[in-house]
Full PDB file with SEQRES, HELIX, SHEET, SSBOND, CRYST1, ORIGX, SCALE, CONECT and MASTER records, all heavy atoms in Angstrom:
SEQRES   1 A   36  ASN GLY PRO PRO VAL LEU MET LYS GLU PRO LYS ILE GLN          
SEQRES   2 A   36  PHE VAL ASP ASP GLY PRO GLY LYS PRO GLU GLY ILE ASP          
SEQRES   3 A   36  ARG PHE ILE GLY ARG ARG PRO ILE PHE ALA                      
HELIX    1 AA1 GLY A   20  GLY A   24  1                                   5    
HELIX    2 AA2 ILE A   25  ILE A   29  3                                   5    
CRYST1    1.000    1.000    1.000  90.00  90.00  90.00 P 1           1          
ORIGX1      1.000000  0.000000  0.000000        0.00000                         
ORIGX2      0.000000  1.000000  0.000000        0.00000                         
ORIGX3      0.000000  0.000000  1.000000        0.00000                         
SCALE1      1.000000  0.000000  0.000000        0.00000                         
SCALE2      0.000000  1.000000  0.000000        0.00000                         
SCALE3      0.000000  0.000000  1.000000        0.00000                         
ATOM      1  N   ASN A   1       0.818  -1.217   0.000  1.00  0.00           N  
ATOM      2  CA  ASN A   1       0.000   0.000   0.000  1.00  0.00           C  
ATOM      3  C   ASN A   1       0.848   1.263   0.000  1.00  0.00           C  
ATOM      4  O   ASN A   1       0.346   2.336   0.321  1.00  0.00           O  
ATOM      5  CB  ASN A   1      -0.918   0.026   1.238  1.00  0.00           C  
ATOM      6  CG  ASN A   1      -1.850  -1.157   1.263  1.00  0.00           C  
ATOM      7  OD1 ASN A   1      -2.474  -1.474   0.261  1.00  0.00           O  
ATOM      8  ND2 ASN A   1      -1.923  -1.821   2.404  1.00  0.00           N  
ATOM      9  N   GLY A   2       2.099   1.142  -0.341  1.00  0.00           N  
ATOM     10  CA  GLY A   2       2.964   2.298  -0.191  1.00  0.00           C  
ATOM     11  C   GLY A   2       3.701   2.681  -1.450  1.00  0.00           C  
ATOM     12  O   GLY A   2       3.612   1.998  -2.470  1.00  0.00           O  
ATOM     13  N   PRO A   3       4.458   3.772  -1.364  1.00  0.00           N  
ATOM     14  CA  PRO A   3       5.254   4.217  -2.510  1.00  0.00           C  
ATOM     15  C   PRO A   3       6.510   3.358  -2.675  1.00  0.00           C  
ATOM     16  O   PRO A   3       6.844   2.575  -1.783  1.00  0.00           O  
ATOM     17  CB  PRO A   3       5.619   5.654  -2.128  1.00  0.00           C  
ATOM     18  CG  PRO A   3       5.660   5.631  -0.634  1.00  0.00           C  
ATOM     19  CD  PRO A   3       4.594   4.651  -0.213  1.00  0.00           C  
ATOM     20  N   PRO A   4       7.218   3.521  -3.767  1.00  0.00           N  
ATOM     21  CA  PRO A   4       8.469   2.780  -3.944  1.00  0.00           C  
ATOM     22  C   PRO A   4       9.494   3.208  -2.901  1.00  0.00           C  
ATOM     23  O   PRO A   4       9.541   4.369  -2.491  1.00  0.00           O  
ATOM     24  CB  PRO A   4       8.938   3.186  -5.338  1.00  0.00           C  
ATOM     25  CG  PRO A   4       7.804   3.889  -5.986  1.00  0.00           C  
ATOM     26  CD  PRO A   4       6.900   4.348  -4.920  1.00  0.00           C  
ATOM     27  N   VAL A   5      10.306   2.253  -2.469  1.00  0.00           N  
ATOM     28  CA  VAL A   5      11.376   2.524  -1.501  1.00  0.00           C  
ATOM     29  C   VAL A   5      12.631   1.786  -1.934  1.00  0.00           C  
ATOM     30  O   VAL A   5      12.571   0.833  -2.720  1.00  0.00           O  
ATOM     31  CB  VAL A   5      10.988   2.082  -0.062  1.00  0.00           C  
ATOM     32  CG1 VAL A   5       9.837   2.912   0.483  1.00  0.00           C  
ATOM     33  CG2 VAL A   5      10.667   0.591  -0.014  1.00  0.00           C  
ATOM     34  N   LEU A   6      13.762   2.240  -1.430  1.00  0.00           N  
ATOM     35  CA  LEU A   6      15.010   1.489  -1.549  1.00  0.00           C  
ATOM     36  C   LEU A   6      15.283   0.853  -0.204  1.00  0.00           C  
ATOM     37  O   LEU A   6      15.346   1.539   0.823  1.00  0.00           O  
ATOM     38  CB  LEU A   6      16.172   2.408  -1.934  1.00  0.00           C  
ATOM     39  CG  LEU A   6      16.215   2.863  -3.382  1.00  0.00           C  
ATOM     40  CD1 LEU A   6      17.355   3.867  -3.590  1.00  0.00           C  
ATOM     41  CD2 LEU A   6      16.402   1.674  -4.319  1.00  0.00           C  
ATOM     42  N   MET A   7      15.445  -0.466  -0.196  1.00  0.00           N  
ATOM     43  CA  MET A   7      15.703  -1.202   1.042  1.00  0.00           C  
ATOM     44  C   MET A   7      17.191  -1.515   1.144  1.00  0.00           C  
ATOM     45  O   MET A   7      17.807  -1.944   0.172  1.00  0.00           O  
ATOM     46  CB  MET A   7      14.917  -2.515   1.050  1.00  0.00           C  
ATOM     47  CG  MET A   7      13.410  -2.342   1.055  1.00  0.00           C  
ATOM     48  SD  MET A   7      12.753  -1.504   2.512  1.00  0.00           S  
ATOM     49  CE  MET A   7      13.172  -2.661   3.811  1.00  0.00           C  
ATOM     50  N   LYS A   8      17.758  -1.276   2.335  1.00  0.00           N  
ATOM     51  CA  LYS A   8      19.146  -1.670   2.595  1.00  0.00           C  
ATOM     52  C   LYS A   8      19.148  -3.157   2.913  1.00  0.00           C  
ATOM     53  O   LYS A   8      18.419  -3.602   3.772  1.00  0.00           O  
ATOM     54  CB  LYS A   8      19.703  -0.883   3.782  1.00  0.00           C  
ATOM     55  CG  LYS A   8      20.010   0.561   3.455  1.00  0.00           C  
ATOM     56  CD  LYS A   8      20.558   1.314   4.653  1.00  0.00           C  
ATOM     57  CE  LYS A   8      21.907   0.845   5.126  1.00  0.00           C  
ATOM     58  NZ  LYS A   8      23.014   0.984   4.201  1.00  0.00           N  
ATOM     59  N   GLU A   9      19.977  -3.888   2.206  1.00  0.00           N  
ATOM     60  CA  GLU A   9      20.081  -5.325   2.437  1.00  0.00           C  
ATOM     61  C   GLU A   9      21.343  -5.608   3.269  1.00  0.00           C  
ATOM     62  O   GLU A   9      22.297  -4.826   3.239  1.00  0.00           O  
ATOM     63  CB  GLU A   9      20.165  -6.053   1.096  1.00  0.00           C  
ATOM     64  CG  GLU A   9      18.960  -5.746   0.220  1.00  0.00           C  
ATOM     65  CD  GLU A   9      18.374  -6.982  -0.389  1.00  0.00           C  
ATOM     66  OE1 GLU A   9      19.128  -7.897  -0.759  1.00  0.00           O  
ATOM     67  OE2 GLU A   9      17.141  -7.023  -0.489  1.00  0.00           O  
ATOM     68  N   PRO A  10      21.391  -6.716   3.983  1.00  0.00           N  
ATOM     69  CA  PRO A  10      22.553  -7.022   4.814  1.00  0.00           C  
ATOM     70  C   PRO A  10      23.702  -7.642   4.006  1.00  0.00           C  
ATOM     71  O   PRO A  10      24.216  -8.713   4.331  1.00  0.00           O  
ATOM     72  CB  PRO A  10      21.989  -8.006   5.847  1.00  0.00           C  
ATOM     73  CG  PRO A  10      20.884  -8.701   5.120  1.00  0.00           C  
ATOM     74  CD  PRO A  10      20.293  -7.672   4.184  1.00  0.00           C  
ATOM     75  N   LYS A  11      24.082  -6.955   2.932  1.00  0.00           N  
ATOM     76  CA  LYS A  11      25.158  -7.439   2.068  1.00  0.00           C  
ATOM     77  C   LYS A  11      26.052  -6.262   1.700  1.00  0.00           C  
ATOM     78  O   LYS A  11      25.571  -5.162   1.456  1.00  0.00           O  
ATOM     79  CB  LYS A  11      24.607  -8.031   0.769  1.00  0.00           C  
ATOM     80  CG  LYS A  11      23.681  -9.212   0.935  1.00  0.00           C  
ATOM     81  CD  LYS A  11      23.107  -9.611  -0.415  1.00  0.00           C  
ATOM     82  CE  LYS A  11      21.950 -10.580  -0.249  1.00  0.00           C  
ATOM     83  NZ  LYS A  11      21.210 -10.769  -1.481  1.00  0.00           N  
ATOM     84  N   ILE A  12      27.336  -6.523   1.599  1.00  0.00           N  
ATOM     85  CA  ILE A  12      28.277  -5.490   1.184  1.00  0.00           C  
ATOM     86  C   ILE A  12      28.353  -5.486  -0.335  1.00  0.00           C  
ATOM     87  O   ILE A  12      28.514  -6.529  -0.965  1.00  0.00           O  
ATOM     88  CB  ILE A  12      29.670  -5.742   1.790  1.00  0.00           C  
ATOM     89  CG1 ILE A  12      29.603  -5.590   3.310  1.00  0.00           C  
ATOM     90  CG2 ILE A  12      30.699  -4.781   1.205  1.00  0.00           C  
ATOM     91  CD1 ILE A  12      30.858  -5.996   4.029  1.00  0.00           C  
ATOM     92  N   GLN A  13      28.263  -4.287  -0.914  1.00  0.00           N  
ATOM     93  CA  GLN A  13      28.387  -4.151  -2.358  1.00  0.00           C  
ATOM     94  C   GLN A  13      29.796  -3.743  -2.754  1.00  0.00           C  
ATOM     95  O   GLN A  13      30.347  -4.244  -3.712  1.00  0.00           O  
ATOM     96  CB  GLN A  13      27.391  -3.108  -2.866  1.00  0.00           C  
ATOM     97  CG  GLN A  13      27.454  -2.912  -4.377  1.00  0.00           C  
ATOM     98  CD  GLN A  13      26.498  -1.833  -4.842  1.00  0.00           C  
ATOM     99  OE1 GLN A  13      26.403  -0.772  -4.233  1.00  0.00           O  
ATOM    100  NE2 GLN A  13      25.777  -2.117  -5.908  1.00  0.00           N  
ATOM    101  N   PHE A  14      30.383  -2.820  -1.980  1.00  0.00           N  
ATOM    102  CA  PHE A  14      31.653  -2.239  -2.396  1.00  0.00           C  
ATOM    103  C   PHE A  14      32.408  -1.731  -1.175  1.00  0.00           C  
ATOM    104  O   PHE A  14      31.845  -1.038  -0.329  1.00  0.00           O  
ATOM    105  CB  PHE A  14      31.373  -1.085  -3.367  1.00  0.00           C  
ATOM    106  CG  PHE A  14      32.606  -0.349  -3.812  1.00  0.00           C  
ATOM    107  CD1 PHE A  14      33.515  -0.941  -4.665  1.00  0.00           C  
ATOM    108  CD2 PHE A  14      32.855   0.942  -3.368  1.00  0.00           C  
ATOM    109  CE1 PHE A  14      34.653  -0.273  -5.071  1.00  0.00           C  
ATOM    110  CE2 PHE A  14      33.986   1.621  -3.769  1.00  0.00           C  
ATOM    111  CZ  PHE A  14      34.881   1.013  -4.625  1.00  0.00           C  
ATOM    112  N   VAL A  15      33.694  -2.070  -1.069  1.00  0.00           N  
ATOM    113  CA  VAL A  15      34.549  -1.559   0.004  1.00  0.00           C  
ATOM    114  C   VAL A  15      35.508  -0.550  -0.602  1.00  0.00           C  
ATOM    115  O   VAL A  15      36.348  -0.897  -1.437  1.00  0.00           O  
ATOM    116  CB  VAL A  15      35.316  -2.702   0.719  1.00  0.00           C  
ATOM    117  CG1 VAL A  15      36.255  -2.128   1.769  1.00  0.00           C  
ATOM    118  CG2 VAL A  15      34.339  -3.681   1.353  1.00  0.00           C  
ATOM    119  N   ASP A  16      35.367   0.691  -0.185  1.00  0.00           N  
ATOM    120  CA  ASP A  16      36.139   1.796  -0.743  1.00  0.00           C  
ATOM    121  C   ASP A  16      37.369   2.060   0.127  1.00  0.00           C  
ATOM    122  O   ASP A  16      37.469   3.091   0.795  1.00  0.00           O  
ATOM    123  CB  ASP A  16      35.257   3.046  -0.834  1.00  0.00           C  
ATOM    124  CG  ASP A  16      35.922   4.150  -1.631  1.00  0.00           C  
ATOM    125  OD1 ASP A  16      36.395   3.859  -2.746  1.00  0.00           O  
ATOM    126  OD2 ASP A  16      35.966   5.294  -1.145  1.00  0.00           O  
ATOM    127  N   ASP A  17      38.289   1.120   0.123  1.00  0.00           N  
ATOM    128  CA  ASP A  17      39.510   1.269   0.913  1.00  0.00           C  
ATOM    129  C   ASP A  17      40.626   0.548   0.179  1.00  0.00           C  
ATOM    130  O   ASP A  17      40.380  -0.414  -0.557  1.00  0.00           O  
ATOM    131  CB  ASP A  17      39.313   0.672   2.309  1.00  0.00           C  
ATOM    132  CG  ASP A  17      40.340   1.178   3.306  1.00  0.00           C  
ATOM    133  OD1 ASP A  17      40.788   2.332   3.185  1.00  0.00           O  
ATOM    134  OD2 ASP A  17      40.699   0.413   4.219  1.00  0.00           O  
ATOM    135  N   GLY A  18      41.859   1.017   0.375  1.00  0.00           N  
ATOM    136  CA  GLY A  18      42.996   0.395  -0.295  1.00  0.00           C  
ATOM    137  C   GLY A  18      42.807   0.420  -1.801  1.00  0.00           C  
ATOM    138  O   GLY A  18      42.479   1.458  -2.384  1.00  0.00           O  
ATOM    139  N   PRO A  19      42.956  -0.722  -2.489  1.00  0.00           N  
ATOM    140  CA  PRO A  19      42.783  -0.748  -3.941  1.00  0.00           C  
ATOM    141  C   PRO A  19      41.358  -0.419  -4.373  1.00  0.00           C  
ATOM    142  O   PRO A  19      41.123  -0.041  -5.516  1.00  0.00           O  
ATOM    143  CB  PRO A  19      43.163  -2.177  -4.336  1.00  0.00           C  
ATOM    144  CG  PRO A  19      43.237  -2.961  -3.086  1.00  0.00           C  
ATOM    145  CD  PRO A  19      43.371  -2.013  -1.944  1.00  0.00           C  
ATOM    146  N   GLY A  20      40.410  -0.497  -3.450  1.00  0.00           N  
ATOM    147  CA  GLY A  20      39.035  -0.128  -3.775  1.00  0.00           C  
ATOM    148  C   GLY A  20      38.864   1.362  -4.040  1.00  0.00           C  
ATOM    149  O   GLY A  20      37.924   1.771  -4.724  1.00  0.00           O  
ATOM    150  N   LYS A  21      39.774   2.193  -3.512  1.00  0.00           N  
ATOM    151  CA  LYS A  21      39.617   3.642  -3.716  1.00  0.00           C  
ATOM    152  C   LYS A  21      39.782   4.048  -5.181  1.00  0.00           C  
ATOM    153  O   LYS A  21      38.911   4.743  -5.715  1.00  0.00           O  
ATOM    154  CB  LYS A  21      40.551   4.425  -2.800  1.00  0.00           C  
ATOM    155  CG  LYS A  21      40.039   4.415  -1.378  1.00  0.00           C  
ATOM    156  CD  LYS A  21      40.632   5.505  -0.535  1.00  0.00           C  
ATOM    157  CE  LYS A  21      39.979   5.454   0.837  1.00  0.00           C  
ATOM    158  NZ  LYS A  21      40.390   6.554   1.685  1.00  0.00           N  
ATOM    159  N   PRO A  22      40.864   3.656  -5.876  1.00  0.00           N  
ATOM    160  CA  PRO A  22      40.909   4.023  -7.293  1.00  0.00           C  
ATOM    161  C   PRO A  22      39.776   3.382  -8.092  1.00  0.00           C  
ATOM    162  O   PRO A  22      39.253   3.985  -9.034  1.00  0.00           O  
ATOM    163  CB  PRO A  22      42.283   3.555  -7.775  1.00  0.00           C  
ATOM    164  CG  PRO A  22      42.914   2.819  -6.664  1.00  0.00           C  
ATOM    165  CD  PRO A  22      42.104   3.035  -5.429  1.00  0.00           C  
ATOM    166  N   GLU A  23      39.361   2.175  -7.711  1.00  0.00           N  
ATOM    167  CA  GLU A  23      38.233   1.536  -8.387  1.00  0.00           C  
ATOM    168  C   GLU A  23      36.958   2.352  -8.180  1.00  0.00           C  
ATOM    169  O   GLU A  23      36.183   2.568  -9.116  1.00  0.00           O  
ATOM    170  CB  GLU A  23      38.043   0.109  -7.861  1.00  0.00           C  
ATOM    171  CG  GLU A  23      39.199  -0.819  -8.202  1.00  0.00           C  
ATOM    172  CD  GLU A  23      39.176  -2.120  -7.414  1.00  0.00           C  
ATOM    173  OE1 GLU A  23      38.173  -2.380  -6.698  1.00  0.00           O  
ATOM    174  OE2 GLU A  23      40.156  -2.877  -7.496  1.00  0.00           O  
ATOM    175  N   GLY A  24      36.739   2.819  -6.955  1.00  0.00           N  
ATOM    176  CA  GLY A  24      35.570   3.643  -6.661  1.00  0.00           C  
ATOM    177  C   GLY A  24      35.614   4.977  -7.377  1.00  0.00           C  
ATOM    178  O   GLY A  24      34.593   5.460  -7.872  1.00  0.00           O  
ATOM    179  N   ILE A  25      36.789   5.587  -7.435  1.00  0.00           N  
ATOM    180  CA  ILE A  25      36.943   6.857  -8.145  1.00  0.00           C  
ATOM    181  C   ILE A  25      36.574   6.662  -9.611  1.00  0.00           C  
ATOM    182  O   ILE A  25      35.828   7.454 -10.190  1.00  0.00           O  
ATOM    183  CB  ILE A  25      38.376   7.398  -7.989  1.00  0.00           C  
ATOM    184  CG1 ILE A  25      38.613   7.866  -6.552  1.00  0.00           C  
ATOM    185  CG2 ILE A  25      38.645   8.538  -8.971  1.00  0.00           C  
ATOM    186  CD1 ILE A  25      40.076   8.132  -6.209  1.00  0.00           C  
ATOM    187  N   ASP A  26      37.082   5.608 -10.214  1.00  0.00           N  
ATOM    188  CA  ASP A  26      36.783   5.351 -11.621  1.00  0.00           C  
ATOM    189  C   ASP A  26      35.292   5.067 -11.826  1.00  0.00           C  
ATOM    190  O   ASP A  26      34.670   5.586 -12.734  1.00  0.00           O  
ATOM    191  CB  ASP A  26      37.621   4.178 -12.130  1.00  0.00           C  
ATOM    192  CG  ASP A  26      37.401   3.924 -13.609  1.00  0.00           C  
ATOM    193  OD1 ASP A  26      37.716   4.811 -14.417  1.00  0.00           O  
ATOM    194  OD2 ASP A  26      36.889   2.842 -13.946  1.00  0.00           O  
ATOM    195  N   ARG A  27      34.720   4.261 -10.950  1.00  0.00           N  
ATOM    196  CA  ARG A  27      33.322   3.852 -11.092  1.00  0.00           C  
ATOM    197  C   ARG A  27      32.352   5.006 -10.858  1.00  0.00           C  
ATOM    198  O   ARG A  27      31.391   5.179 -11.597  1.00  0.00           O  
ATOM    199  CB  ARG A  27      33.008   2.733 -10.102  1.00  0.00           C  
ATOM    200  CG  ARG A  27      31.560   2.259 -10.171  1.00  0.00           C  
ATOM    201  CD  ARG A  27      31.233   1.225  -9.136  1.00  0.00           C  
ATOM    202  NE  ARG A  27      32.059   0.044  -9.310  1.00  0.00           N  
ATOM    203  CZ  ARG A  27      32.084  -0.971  -8.462  1.00  0.00           C  
ATOM    204  NH1 ARG A  27      31.331  -0.951  -7.394  1.00  0.00           N  
ATOM    205  NH2 ARG A  27      32.856  -2.015  -8.681  1.00  0.00           N  
ATOM    206  N   PHE A  28      32.602   5.825  -9.825  1.00  0.00           N  
ATOM    207  CA  PHE A  28      31.617   6.819  -9.421  1.00  0.00           C  
ATOM    208  C   PHE A  28      31.934   8.240  -9.883  1.00  0.00           C  
ATOM    209  O   PHE A  28      31.034   9.059 -10.014  1.00  0.00           O  
ATOM    210  CB  PHE A  28      31.425   6.794  -7.904  1.00  0.00           C  
ATOM    211  CG  PHE A  28      30.926   5.473  -7.412  1.00  0.00           C  
ATOM    212  CD1 PHE A  28      31.764   4.612  -6.716  1.00  0.00           C  
ATOM    213  CD2 PHE A  28      29.626   5.061  -7.673  1.00  0.00           C  
ATOM    214  CE1 PHE A  28      31.307   3.381  -6.265  1.00  0.00           C  
ATOM    215  CE2 PHE A  28      29.161   3.833  -7.229  1.00  0.00           C  
ATOM    216  CZ  PHE A  28      30.005   2.985  -6.528  1.00  0.00           C  
ATOM    217  N   ILE A  29      33.203   8.537 -10.107  1.00  0.00           N  
ATOM    218  CA  ILE A  29      33.577   9.887 -10.549  1.00  0.00           C  
ATOM    219  C   ILE A  29      33.925   9.877 -12.034  1.00  0.00           C  
ATOM    220  O   ILE A  29      33.559  10.781 -12.771  1.00  0.00           O  
ATOM    221  CB  ILE A  29      34.746  10.439  -9.708  1.00  0.00           C  
ATOM    222  CG1 ILE A  29      34.348  10.511  -8.231  1.00  0.00           C  
ATOM    223  CG2 ILE A  29      35.173  11.820 -10.225  1.00  0.00           C  
ATOM    224  CD1 ILE A  29      35.497  10.852  -7.280  1.00  0.00           C  
ATOM    225  N   GLY A  30      34.644   8.860 -12.473  1.00  0.00           N  
ATOM    226  CA  GLY A  30      34.958   8.719 -13.889  1.00  0.00           C  
ATOM    227  C   GLY A  30      36.142   9.530 -14.359  1.00  0.00           C  
ATOM    228  O   GLY A  30      36.388   9.623 -15.562  1.00  0.00           O  
ATOM    229  N   ARG A  31      36.902  10.086 -13.432  1.00  0.00           N  
ATOM    230  CA  ARG A  31      38.104  10.850 -13.777  1.00  0.00           C  
ATOM    231  C   ARG A  31      39.187  10.563 -12.752  1.00  0.00           C  
ATOM    232  O   ARG A  31      38.906  10.430 -11.559  1.00  0.00           O  
ATOM    233  CB  ARG A  31      37.840  12.361 -13.731  1.00  0.00           C  
ATOM    234  CG  ARG A  31      36.949  12.861 -14.803  1.00  0.00           C  
ATOM    235  CD  ARG A  31      36.864  14.361 -14.711  1.00  0.00           C  
ATOM    236  NE  ARG A  31      35.990  14.849 -15.758  1.00  0.00           N  
ATOM    237  CZ  ARG A  31      35.822  16.122 -16.017  1.00  0.00           C  
ATOM    238  NH1 ARG A  31      36.463  17.026 -15.332  1.00  0.00           N  
ATOM    239  NH2 ARG A  31      35.008  16.485 -16.981  1.00  0.00           N  
ATOM    240  N   ARG A  32      40.404  10.520 -13.218  1.00  0.00           N  
ATOM    241  CA  ARG A  32      41.531  10.360 -12.316  1.00  0.00           C  
ATOM    242  C   ARG A  32      41.777  11.706 -11.616  1.00  0.00           C  
ATOM    243  O   ARG A  32      41.784  12.748 -12.253  1.00  0.00           O  
ATOM    244  CB  ARG A  32      42.776   9.963 -13.107  1.00  0.00           C  
ATOM    245  CG  ARG A  32      43.964   9.587 -12.236  1.00  0.00           C  
ATOM    246  CD  ARG A  32      45.234   9.431 -13.064  1.00  0.00           C  
ATOM    247  NE  ARG A  32      45.067   8.530 -14.173  1.00  0.00           N  
ATOM    248  CZ  ARG A  32      45.623   7.317 -14.266  1.00  0.00           C  
ATOM    249  NH1 ARG A  32      46.379   6.876 -13.296  1.00  0.00           N  
ATOM    250  NH2 ARG A  32      45.429   6.572 -15.325  1.00  0.00           N  
ATOM    251  N   PRO A  33      41.982  11.702 -10.305  1.00  0.00           N  
ATOM    252  CA  PRO A  33      42.241  12.972  -9.623  1.00  0.00           C  
ATOM    253  C   PRO A  33      43.551  13.603 -10.095  1.00  0.00           C  
ATOM    254  O   PRO A  33      44.471  12.906 -10.529  1.00  0.00           O  
ATOM    255  CB  PRO A  33      42.364  12.582  -8.147  1.00  0.00           C  
ATOM    256  CG  PRO A  33      41.824  11.202  -8.044  1.00  0.00           C  
ATOM    257  CD  PRO A  33      41.972  10.570  -9.391  1.00  0.00           C  
ATOM    258  N   ILE A  34      43.616  14.925  -9.991  1.00  0.00           N  
ATOM    259  CA  ILE A  34      44.893  15.604 -10.204  1.00  0.00           C  
ATOM    260  C   ILE A  34      45.472  16.081  -8.875  1.00  0.00           C  
ATOM    261  O   ILE A  34      46.617  16.490  -8.802  1.00  0.00           O  
ATOM    262  CB  ILE A  34      44.772  16.783 -11.196  1.00  0.00           C  
ATOM    263  CG1 ILE A  34      43.783  17.820 -10.709  1.00  0.00           C  
ATOM    264  CG2 ILE A  34      44.389  16.281 -12.574  1.00  0.00           C  
ATOM    265  CD1 ILE A  34      43.787  19.085 -11.552  1.00  0.00           C  
ATOM    266  N   PHE A  35      44.669  15.976  -7.828  1.00  0.00           N  
ATOM    267  CA  PHE A  35      45.071  16.416  -6.490  1.00  0.00           C  
ATOM    268  C   PHE A  35      44.411  15.462  -5.503  1.00  0.00           C  
ATOM    269  O   PHE A  35      43.191  15.308  -5.521  1.00  0.00           O  
ATOM    270  CB  PHE A  35      44.547  17.841  -6.272  1.00  0.00           C  
ATOM    271  CG  PHE A  35      45.030  18.524  -5.018  1.00  0.00           C  
ATOM    272  CD1 PHE A  35      45.854  19.621  -5.114  1.00  0.00           C  
ATOM    273  CD2 PHE A  35      44.645  18.090  -3.765  1.00  0.00           C  
ATOM    274  CE1 PHE A  35      46.289  20.287  -3.972  1.00  0.00           C  
ATOM    275  CE2 PHE A  35      45.084  18.731  -2.620  1.00  0.00           C  
ATOM    276  CZ  PHE A  35      45.910  19.841  -2.716  1.00  0.00           C  
ATOM    277  N   ALA A  36      45.200  14.793  -4.678  1.00  0.00           N  
ATOM    278  CA  ALA A  36      44.630  13.850  -3.714  1.00  0.00           C  
ATOM    279  C   ALA A  36      45.389  13.925  -2.401  1.00  0.00           C  
ATOM    280  O   ALA A  36      46.621  14.044  -2.386  1.00  0.00           O  
ATOM    281  CB  ALA A  36      44.664  12.421  -4.259  1.00  0.00           C  
TER     282      ALA A  36                                                      
MASTER        0    0    0    2    0    0    0    6  281    1    0    3          
END                                                                             
């Protein structure tokens, strides 16, 4: 009886640490930083 919602599930999708940081930058920003 309700509107659409996004539910958080008990699963990890992405860990943005270590090698995950450049992967996350590429995936979500789409550009290599020039200043970090």
